Amino acid sequence: MWSNILIIYLKEIKEVLRDRRTLIFMIVMPLILVPMLFNFLISFVAKSEVKAQTEVLAFAVFGDEYLPELAQAYTDSNDFKRIEITDFNDMESSINQNIIKFALSIPEKAQEQIENGKQATIHIYYNDASVNSRVRYRAGDVIRQVSDKLRSVHLITLGFESPEEQDNLVFPLKIEDHGIAEEREKLGAQVGGFLPYLFIIFCMMGSMYPAIDLGAGEKERGTLETLLLAPIKRQQIVLGKFLVVFTTGVTSALLSLVGMSVMLMTKGKDVTGELGQIIASISVIDLILIASMLIPTAAMFAALLLSVSIYARSFKEASSYCGPLNFLAIVPAIIAMLPIVSLDWYWAMVPVTNVSLAIKELIKGTMNYEMLIAILGSSIVIAGALLFFCTKWFERESVLFRE
């Protein structure tokens, strides 16, 4: 039996490896694209953070004569550059054209309100479409500093001269945080959802083209009938084909993991800040456990895609069927990114999502290893059930020779 399966496997793997698309998705993209992608993300995040913190922000002020102290605070800072815009109606277009980053509007009675112990409202106009923009925070920080200074002057006139007395009066209740989560857990929760998504996508992509070629492709070439006439049981034929698709899928997933690991070892030590702490916290054991969960995931995708390919009448039809199946990998992986979803015994039984959540927990360093056994067990059972279905599917004449 196993010798026949091996013969089918070797025959099909040779044909699959001749396909340039398979080699690109199985080897080139995981080994080259993944390190390049991570390197780009690390560089982009670092540069974006530096730019957001150090960029000189151009701004305009309307009504600066009503509160000269505030306008002067921006002018005195090297972080801001004032641009003269005389007409308030031109303010919005100036922000949209990136002539200025923000504009301040000071009400006419601001100084009078402050002197009378009342509160003056300062209006900040900026483009809030960018979620990564630091304009609002940096512009508001100057206002907070001037506000603190004015408050301190008022309190001194009331007899509260020391900073401690002023704080006790303004903030009668003090909050002292005591977060018990480790730094790795906090940081891993922020970025841990992205990595499994990447691995699962490569696992799916690595299996797709070989599966289409070994089922619908053979129908189109007219070689399936010849293979069926060979003195080999159909179960052995489908097992040989399955092992080929499984090999390409798991190779693609593991090579993407290898590519990431190489990048971490070579570039990880140069990364500072929160991202550097996450990289330093990932151990070899974590990577091995991640690889162990990708193996049954690749088996599930291989059996499912091969079943679809066997049903299709042509390569084109199989491609049209397999495209929507990508959602079976994408949607469960996205579910694992949601903050309301966490790894428990229920989610440990949900395919793909359980693997994504487990990888996230491994990066956080909070993995419950009892659940890891449940995840591997449920994934293996589902993969076995799909393979059994694929075998029975292949035995049906109405499926193989569908008109």
Protein backbone atom coordinates (compact mmCIF):
# COMPACT_ATOMS: atom_id res chain seq x y z
CA MET A 1 0.00 0.00 0.00
CA TRP A 2 2.58 2.55 1.12
CA SER A 3 4.83 1.77 -1.84
CA ASN A 4 1.97 2.63 -4.22
CA ILE A 5 1.25 5.85 -2.34
CA LEU A 6 4.95 6.73 -2.52
CA ILE A 7 5.00 6.11 -6.27
CA ILE A 8 1.99 8.43 -6.75
CA TYR A 9 3.55 10.98 -4.43
CA LEU A 10 6.90 11.08 -6.23
CA LYS A 11 5.22 11.24 -9.64
CA GLU A 12 2.94 14.12 -8.65
CA ILE A 13 5.57 16.07 -6.71
CA LYS A 14 7.83 16.12 -9.78
CA GLU A 15 5.04 17.54 -11.91
CA VAL A 16 4.09 20.10 -9.29
CA LEU A 17 7.67 21.30 -8.85
CA ARG A 18 7.87 21.99 -12.57
CA ASP A 19 5.15 24.60 -12.15
CA ARG A 20 6.74 28.02 -11.70
CA ARG A 21 3.72 29.40 -9.81
CA THR A 22 3.98 26.65 -7.23
CA LEU A 23 7.65 27.37 -6.63
CA ILE A 24 6.93 31.08 -6.24
CA PHE A 25 4.14 30.58 -3.69
CA MET A 26 5.83 27.69 -1.88
CA ILE A 27 9.47 28.86 -1.66
CA VAL A 28 10.22 32.30 -3.06
CA MET A 29 7.45 34.30 -1.39
CA PRO A 30 7.81 32.82 2.13
CA LEU A 31 11.62 33.03 2.19
CA ILE A 32 11.98 36.42 0.51
CA LEU A 33 8.68 38.26 0.84
CA VAL A 34 8.17 37.64 4.55
CA PRO A 35 11.58 38.99 5.69
CA MET A 36 11.21 41.92 3.30
CA LEU A 37 7.72 42.65 4.62
CA PHE A 38 8.83 42.53 8.25
CA ASN A 39 11.88 44.64 7.53
CA PHE A 40 9.70 47.20 5.76
CA LEU A 41 7.17 47.26 8.60
CA ILE A 42 9.85 47.69 11.26
CA SER A 43 11.54 50.50 9.32
CA PHE A 44 8.24 52.16 8.48
CA VAL A 45 6.95 52.08 12.06
CA ALA A 46 10.25 53.43 13.42
CA LYS A 47 10.45 56.24 10.87
CA SER A 48 6.78 57.14 11.26
CA GLU A 49 7.13 57.39 15.02
CA VAL A 50 10.21 59.61 14.76
CA LYS A 51 8.53 61.82 12.17
CA ALA A 52 5.35 62.15 14.24
CA GLN A 53 7.38 63.24 17.27
CA THR A 54 9.93 65.54 15.62
CA GLU A 55 8.20 67.04 12.58
CA VAL A 56 7.95 70.83 12.69
CA LEU A 57 4.22 71.58 12.51
CA ALA A 58 3.08 74.58 10.51
CA PHE A 59 0.11 76.37 12.06
CA ALA A 60 -2.00 79.51 11.87
CA VAL A 61 -3.56 81.58 14.65
CA PHE A 62 -6.75 83.59 14.48
CA GLY A 63 -7.35 86.04 17.32
CA ASP A 64 -3.85 85.87 18.79
CA GLU A 65 -4.26 89.43 20.14
CA TYR A 66 -6.94 88.14 22.52
CA LEU A 67 -4.48 85.83 24.31
CA PRO A 68 -0.91 86.78 23.29
CA GLU A 69 0.65 84.44 25.85
CA LEU A 70 -0.74 81.37 24.12
CA ALA A 71 0.25 82.46 20.63
CA GLN A 72 3.74 83.30 21.89
CA ALA A 73 4.15 79.86 23.45
CA TYR A 74 3.80 78.27 19.99
CA THR A 75 6.09 80.85 18.39
CA ASP A 76 8.83 80.29 20.99
CA SER A 77 8.84 76.53 20.44
CA ASN A 78 11.10 75.01 17.77
CA ASP A 79 8.46 72.32 17.16
CA PHE A 80 6.05 74.74 15.47
CA LYS A 81 6.21 77.19 12.56
CA ARG A 82 3.66 79.94 12.19
CA ILE A 83 2.11 80.63 8.79
CA GLU A 84 0.17 83.85 8.29
CA ILE A 85 -3.37 83.26 7.01
CA THR A 86 -5.50 86.38 7.19
CA ASP A 87 -8.88 85.02 6.15
CA PHE A 88 -10.45 82.45 8.47
CA ASN A 89 -12.41 81.03 5.53
CA ASP A 90 -9.12 79.90 3.95
CA MET A 91 -8.21 77.84 7.01
CA GLU A 92 -9.89 74.57 6.02
CA SER A 93 -8.45 74.54 2.50
CA SER A 94 -4.99 75.34 3.88
CA ILE A 95 -5.15 72.29 6.16
CA ASN A 96 -6.41 70.03 3.37
CA GLN A 97 -3.62 71.26 1.05
CA ASN A 98 -1.08 70.57 3.81
CA ILE A 99 0.01 74.23 3.94
CA ILE A 100 -0.60 74.11 7.68
CA LYS A 101 -1.13 71.15 10.01
CA PHE A 102 -3.54 72.89 12.37
CA ALA A 103 -5.10 76.24 13.19
CA LEU A 104 -6.00 77.92 16.48
CA SER A 105 -8.99 80.17 17.00
CA ILE A 106 -8.93 82.27 20.20
CA PRO A 107 -12.23 83.87 21.24
CA GLU A 108 -12.42 87.65 21.64
CA LYS A 109 -13.05 87.60 25.41
CA ALA A 110 -10.51 84.89 26.27
CA GLN A 111 -8.23 87.13 28.35
CA GLU A 112 -11.17 88.70 30.18
CA GLN A 113 -12.68 85.32 30.98
CA ILE A 114 -9.39 84.03 32.41
CA GLU A 115 -8.87 87.14 34.54
CA ASN A 116 -12.38 86.75 35.95
CA GLY A 117 -11.69 83.16 36.91
CA LYS A 118 -13.76 81.70 34.12
CA GLN A 119 -12.83 79.18 31.46
CA ALA A 120 -11.94 80.22 27.90
CA THR A 121 -12.41 77.79 25.01
CA ILE A 122 -9.59 77.47 22.46
CA HIS A 123 -10.63 75.90 19.15
CA ILE A 124 -8.17 73.62 17.30
CA TYR A 125 -8.82 72.75 13.66
CA TYR A 126 -6.89 69.85 12.11
CA ASN A 127 -7.33 66.93 9.74
CA ASP A 128 -8.42 64.02 11.92
CA ALA A 129 -8.68 61.47 9.08
CA SER A 130 -5.28 59.96 9.93
CA VAL A 131 -5.43 57.63 12.92
CA ASN A 132 -1.64 57.90 13.35
CA SER A 133 -1.56 61.70 13.42
CA ARG A 134 0.10 63.26 16.46
CA VAL A 135 -0.95 66.79 15.52
CA ARG A 136 -3.83 66.99 17.97
CA TYR A 137 -1.73 65.74 20.86
CA ARG A 138 1.26 68.00 20.19
CA ALA A 139 -0.87 71.09 19.55
CA GLY A 140 -2.95 70.44 22.65
CA ASP A 141 0.15 69.88 24.77
CA VAL A 142 1.16 73.55 24.43
CA ILE A 143 -2.33 74.65 25.46
CA ARG A 144 -2.14 72.39 28.50
CA GLN A 145 1.20 73.88 29.49
CA VAL A 146 -0.10 77.46 29.22
CA SER A 147 -3.28 76.44 31.05
CA ASP A 148 -1.23 74.95 33.91
CA LYS A 149 0.81 78.14 34.12
CA LEU A 150 -2.28 80.37 34.26
CA ARG A 151 -3.89 78.11 36.86
CA SER A 152 -0.76 78.29 38.98
CA VAL A 153 -0.84 82.11 38.90
CA HIS A 154 -4.48 82.13 40.03
CA LEU A 155 -3.81 79.72 42.87
CA ILE A 156 -0.83 81.74 44.08
CA THR A 157 -3.06 84.82 44.35
CA LEU A 158 -5.44 82.73 46.46
CA GLY A 159 -2.63 81.79 48.83
CA PHE A 160 -1.71 78.35 47.49
CA GLU A 161 1.93 78.94 46.68
CA SER A 162 3.55 75.50 46.70
CA PRO A 163 2.95 73.06 43.78
CA GLU A 164 1.89 70.39 46.28
CA GLU A 165 -0.83 72.60 47.73
CA GLN A 166 -2.04 73.48 44.27
CA ASP A 167 -2.22 69.82 43.24
CA ASN A 168 -4.09 68.89 46.43
CA LEU A 169 -6.68 71.57 45.73
CA VAL A 170 -7.16 70.88 42.00
CA PHE A 171 -6.86 67.09 42.25
CA PRO A 172 -8.32 66.01 45.62
CA LEU A 173 -8.26 62.38 44.48
CA LYS A 174 -5.10 60.74 43.16
CA ILE A 175 -4.99 57.64 40.99
CA GLU A 176 -2.01 55.31 41.26
CA ASP A 177 -1.91 52.54 38.66
CA HIS A 178 -0.70 49.04 39.51
CA GLY A 179 -0.85 47.01 36.29
CA ILE A 180 -0.01 43.38 36.96
CA ALA A 181 0.49 42.27 33.34
CA GLU A 182 4.05 41.72 32.19
CA GLU A 183 5.44 43.92 29.45
CA ARG A 184 5.60 40.99 27.02
CA GLU A 185 1.93 40.22 27.58
CA LYS A 186 0.85 43.82 26.95
CA LEU A 187 2.93 44.23 23.84
CA GLY A 188 2.12 40.77 22.50
CA ALA A 189 -1.60 41.51 22.76
CA GLN A 190 -1.13 44.51 20.47
CA VAL A 191 0.72 42.82 17.60
CA GLY A 192 0.23 39.10 18.22
CA GLY A 193 -2.80 38.88 15.94
CA PHE A 194 -0.93 39.80 12.78
CA LEU A 195 1.62 36.97 12.65
CA PRO A 196 -0.81 34.00 12.58
CA TYR A 197 -2.78 35.75 9.83
CA LEU A 198 0.38 35.85 7.72
CA PHE A 199 1.33 32.21 8.36
CA ILE A 200 -2.17 30.90 7.64
CA ILE A 201 -2.42 32.84 4.38
CA PHE A 202 0.85 31.30 3.14
CA CYS A 203 -0.38 27.89 4.27
CA MET A 204 -3.47 28.33 2.09
CA MET A 205 -1.66 29.83 -0.88
CA GLY A 206 1.01 27.13 -0.87
CA SER A 207 -1.66 24.43 -1.17
CA MET A 208 -3.95 26.09 -3.69
CA TYR A 209 -2.18 25.78 -7.05
CA PRO A 210 -0.88 22.21 -6.55
CA ALA A 211 -4.37 21.12 -5.46
CA ILE A 212 -5.95 22.68 -8.56
CA ASP A 213 -3.34 21.11 -10.83
CA LEU A 214 -3.57 17.60 -9.34
CA GLY A 215 -7.36 17.45 -9.68
CA ALA A 216 -8.89 19.72 -12.29
CA GLY A 217 -5.56 20.11 -14.08
CA GLU A 218 -5.30 16.37 -14.70
CA LYS A 219 -8.87 16.29 -15.97
CA GLU A 220 -8.07 19.08 -18.41
CA ARG A 221 -4.90 17.38 -19.65
CA GLY A 222 -6.68 14.03 -20.00
CA THR A 223 -4.16 12.18 -17.80
CA LEU A 224 -6.55 11.31 -14.98
CA GLU A 225 -8.10 8.41 -16.90
CA THR A 226 -4.65 6.88 -17.48
CA LEU A 227 -3.86 7.14 -13.77
CA LEU A 228 -7.17 5.48 -12.84
CA LEU A 229 -6.37 2.51 -15.13
CA ALA A 230 -3.18 1.77 -13.17
CA PRO A 231 -3.39 -1.23 -10.76
CA ILE A 232 -3.58 1.05 -7.75
CA LYS A 233 -6.57 1.58 -5.47
CA ARG A 234 -8.24 4.95 -5.67
CA GLN A 235 -7.71 5.54 -1.96
CA GLN A 236 -3.97 5.22 -2.54
CA ILE A 237 -4.10 7.63 -5.49
CA VAL A 238 -5.93 10.31 -3.52
CA LEU A 239 -3.63 9.83 -0.52
CA GLY A 240 -0.60 10.33 -2.76
CA LYS A 241 -2.10 13.49 -4.22
CA PHE A 242 -3.11 14.72 -0.77
CA LEU A 243 0.44 14.27 0.53
CA VAL A 244 1.78 16.38 -2.35
CA VAL A 245 -0.66 19.23 -1.65
CA PHE A 246 0.01 18.91 2.09
CA THR A 247 3.77 19.04 1.46
CA THR A 248 3.57 22.25 -0.55
CA GLY A 249 1.22 23.91 1.96
CA VAL A 250 3.20 23.03 5.05
CA THR A 251 6.47 23.90 3.31
CA SER A 252 5.14 27.34 2.42
CA ALA A 253 3.93 27.96 5.98
CA LEU A 254 7.13 26.70 7.61
CA LEU A 255 9.36 28.63 5.22
CA SER A 256 7.45 31.81 6.08
CA LEU A 257 8.17 31.00 9.73
CA VAL A 258 11.84 30.36 8.90
CA GLY A 259 12.01 33.63 6.97
CA MET A 260 10.60 35.51 9.95
CA SER A 261 12.97 33.73 12.35
CA VAL A 262 16.01 34.62 10.24
CA MET A 263 14.86 38.23 10.15
CA LEU A 264 14.43 38.26 13.93
CA MET A 265 17.93 36.87 14.49
CA THR A 266 19.62 39.27 12.07
CA LYS A 267 17.57 42.46 12.44
CA GLY A 268 15.83 41.97 15.77
CA LYS A 269 18.75 43.11 17.90
CA ASP A 270 18.81 46.46 16.11
CA VAL A 271 15.17 47.22 16.91
CA THR A 272 14.50 49.32 19.99
CA GLY A 273 11.37 50.31 21.85
CA GLU A 274 8.24 48.20 22.27
CA LEU A 275 8.71 46.28 19.02
CA GLY A 276 12.24 45.33 20.06
CA GLN A 277 10.93 43.96 23.36
CA ILE A 278 8.42 41.77 21.54
CA ILE A 279 11.08 40.39 19.18
CA ALA A 280 13.45 39.64 22.05
CA SER A 281 10.72 37.77 23.96
CA ILE A 282 10.02 35.20 21.20
CA SER A 283 11.99 32.01 21.93
CA VAL A 284 12.95 29.00 19.81
CA ILE A 285 10.41 26.87 21.69
CA ASP A 286 7.67 29.33 20.76
CA LEU A 287 8.62 29.04 17.10
CA ILE A 288 8.61 25.22 17.29
CA LEU A 289 5.14 25.22 18.86
CA ILE A 290 3.88 27.59 16.18
CA ALA A 291 5.24 25.23 13.52
CA SER A 292 3.52 22.25 15.17
CA MET A 293 0.13 23.96 14.89
CA LEU A 294 0.63 24.95 11.26
CA ILE A 295 1.08 21.29 10.24
CA PRO A 296 -2.53 20.11 10.89
CA THR A 297 -3.77 23.44 9.51
CA ALA A 298 -1.97 22.70 6.25
CA ALA A 299 -3.56 19.23 6.23
CA MET A 300 -7.06 20.74 6.55
CA PHE A 301 -6.47 23.15 3.67
CA ALA A 302 -4.90 20.39 1.52
CA ALA A 303 -7.87 18.02 1.92
CA LEU A 304 -10.43 20.76 1.38
CA LEU A 305 -8.77 22.26 -1.70
CA LEU A 306 -8.14 18.85 -3.25
CA SER A 307 -11.82 17.95 -2.80
CA VAL A 308 -12.86 21.13 -4.59
CA SER A 309 -10.35 20.51 -7.37
CA ILE A 310 -11.59 16.95 -7.88
CA TYR A 311 -15.13 18.25 -8.29
CA ALA A 312 -14.20 20.98 -10.81
CA ARG A 313 -14.26 20.19 -14.52
CA SER A 314 -11.40 22.51 -15.50
CA PHE A 315 -8.51 24.49 -14.09
CA LYS A 316 -10.48 27.71 -14.53
CA GLU A 317 -13.53 26.37 -12.71
CA ALA A 318 -11.38 25.11 -9.83
CA SER A 319 -9.72 28.53 -9.54
CA SER A 320 -13.12 30.21 -9.34
CA TYR A 321 -14.13 27.82 -6.54
CA CYS A 322 -10.89 28.14 -4.57
CA GLY A 323 -10.93 31.94 -4.60
CA PRO A 324 -13.90 32.26 -2.21
CA LEU A 325 -12.39 29.52 -0.05
CA ASN A 326 -9.69 32.02 0.91
CA PHE A 327 -12.29 33.49 3.25
CA LEU A 328 -12.15 30.21 5.20
CA ALA A 329 -8.59 31.18 6.09
CA ILE A 330 -8.95 34.96 6.25
CA VAL A 331 -12.16 35.36 8.27
CA PRO A 332 -11.24 33.00 11.16
CA ALA A 333 -7.80 34.62 11.36
CA ILE A 334 -9.39 38.08 11.51
CA ILE A 335 -11.78 36.90 14.24
CA ALA A 336 -8.74 36.08 16.36
CA MET A 337 -7.61 39.73 16.09
CA LEU A 338 -10.79 41.03 17.72
CA PRO A 339 -10.20 42.23 21.31
CA ILE A 340 -13.39 40.53 22.53
CA VAL A 341 -12.15 37.09 21.41
CA SER A 342 -9.74 35.23 23.66
CA LEU A 343 -8.54 31.65 23.82
CA ASP A 344 -10.86 29.45 25.87
CA TRP A 345 -12.14 25.91 25.57
CA TYR A 346 -14.82 26.95 23.09
CA TRP A 347 -12.48 28.78 20.71
CA ALA A 348 -9.90 26.00 21.12
CA MET A 349 -12.24 23.79 19.06
CA VAL A 350 -12.89 26.30 16.25
CA PRO A 351 -10.57 25.52 13.31
CA VAL A 352 -8.06 28.15 12.14
CA THR A 353 -9.25 30.64 14.78
CA ASN A 354 -7.88 28.37 17.51
CA VAL A 355 -4.45 28.30 15.84
CA SER A 356 -4.45 32.08 15.42
CA LEU A 357 -5.37 32.61 19.07
CA ALA A 358 -2.77 30.08 20.24
CA ILE A 359 0.01 31.80 18.27
CA LYS A 360 -1.10 35.10 19.79
CA GLU A 361 -0.92 33.59 23.28
CA LEU A 362 2.53 32.16 22.60
CA ILE A 363 3.81 35.60 21.59
CA LYS A 364 2.24 37.06 24.74
CA GLY A 365 3.84 34.33 26.85
CA THR A 366 0.48 33.35 28.41
CA MET A 367 -0.19 30.05 26.65
CA ASN A 368 -2.26 27.44 28.48
CA TYR A 369 -0.55 24.26 27.28
CA GLU A 370 -3.57 22.11 28.10
CA MET A 371 -5.46 24.08 25.47
CA LEU A 372 -2.57 23.57 23.07
CA ILE A 373 -3.21 19.82 23.25
CA ALA A 374 -6.92 20.44 22.57
CA ILE A 375 -6.09 22.70 19.61
CA LEU A 376 -3.75 20.16 18.05
CA GLY A 377 -6.19 17.33 18.73
CA SER A 378 -9.22 19.09 17.24
CA SER A 379 -7.22 20.24 14.21
CA ILE A 380 -5.97 16.71 13.55
CA VAL A 381 -9.51 15.28 13.87
CA ILE A 382 -10.92 17.88 11.45
CA ALA A 383 -8.07 17.29 9.00
CA GLY A 384 -8.71 13.53 9.19
CA ALA A 385 -12.42 14.00 8.57
CA LEU A 386 -11.77 16.21 5.54
CA LEU A 387 -9.27 13.69 4.17
CA PHE A 388 -11.83 10.87 4.62
CA PHE A 389 -14.39 12.95 2.73
CA CYS A 390 -11.85 13.68 -0.01
CA THR A 391 -11.13 9.95 -0.39
CA LYS A 392 -14.81 9.05 -0.68
CA TRP A 393 -15.35 12.01 -3.02
CA PHE A 394 -12.62 10.69 -5.34
CA GLU A 395 -14.28 7.28 -5.54
CA ARG A 396 -17.48 8.69 -7.09
CA GLU A 397 -17.65 8.46 -10.89
CA SER A 398 -20.23 11.25 -10.99
CA VAL A 399 -17.68 13.59 -9.44
CA LEU A 400 -14.61 12.57 -11.42
CA PHE A 401 -16.31 12.65 -14.80
CA ARG A 402 -18.89 15.35 -14.27
CA GLU A 403 -20.39 16.80 -17.45
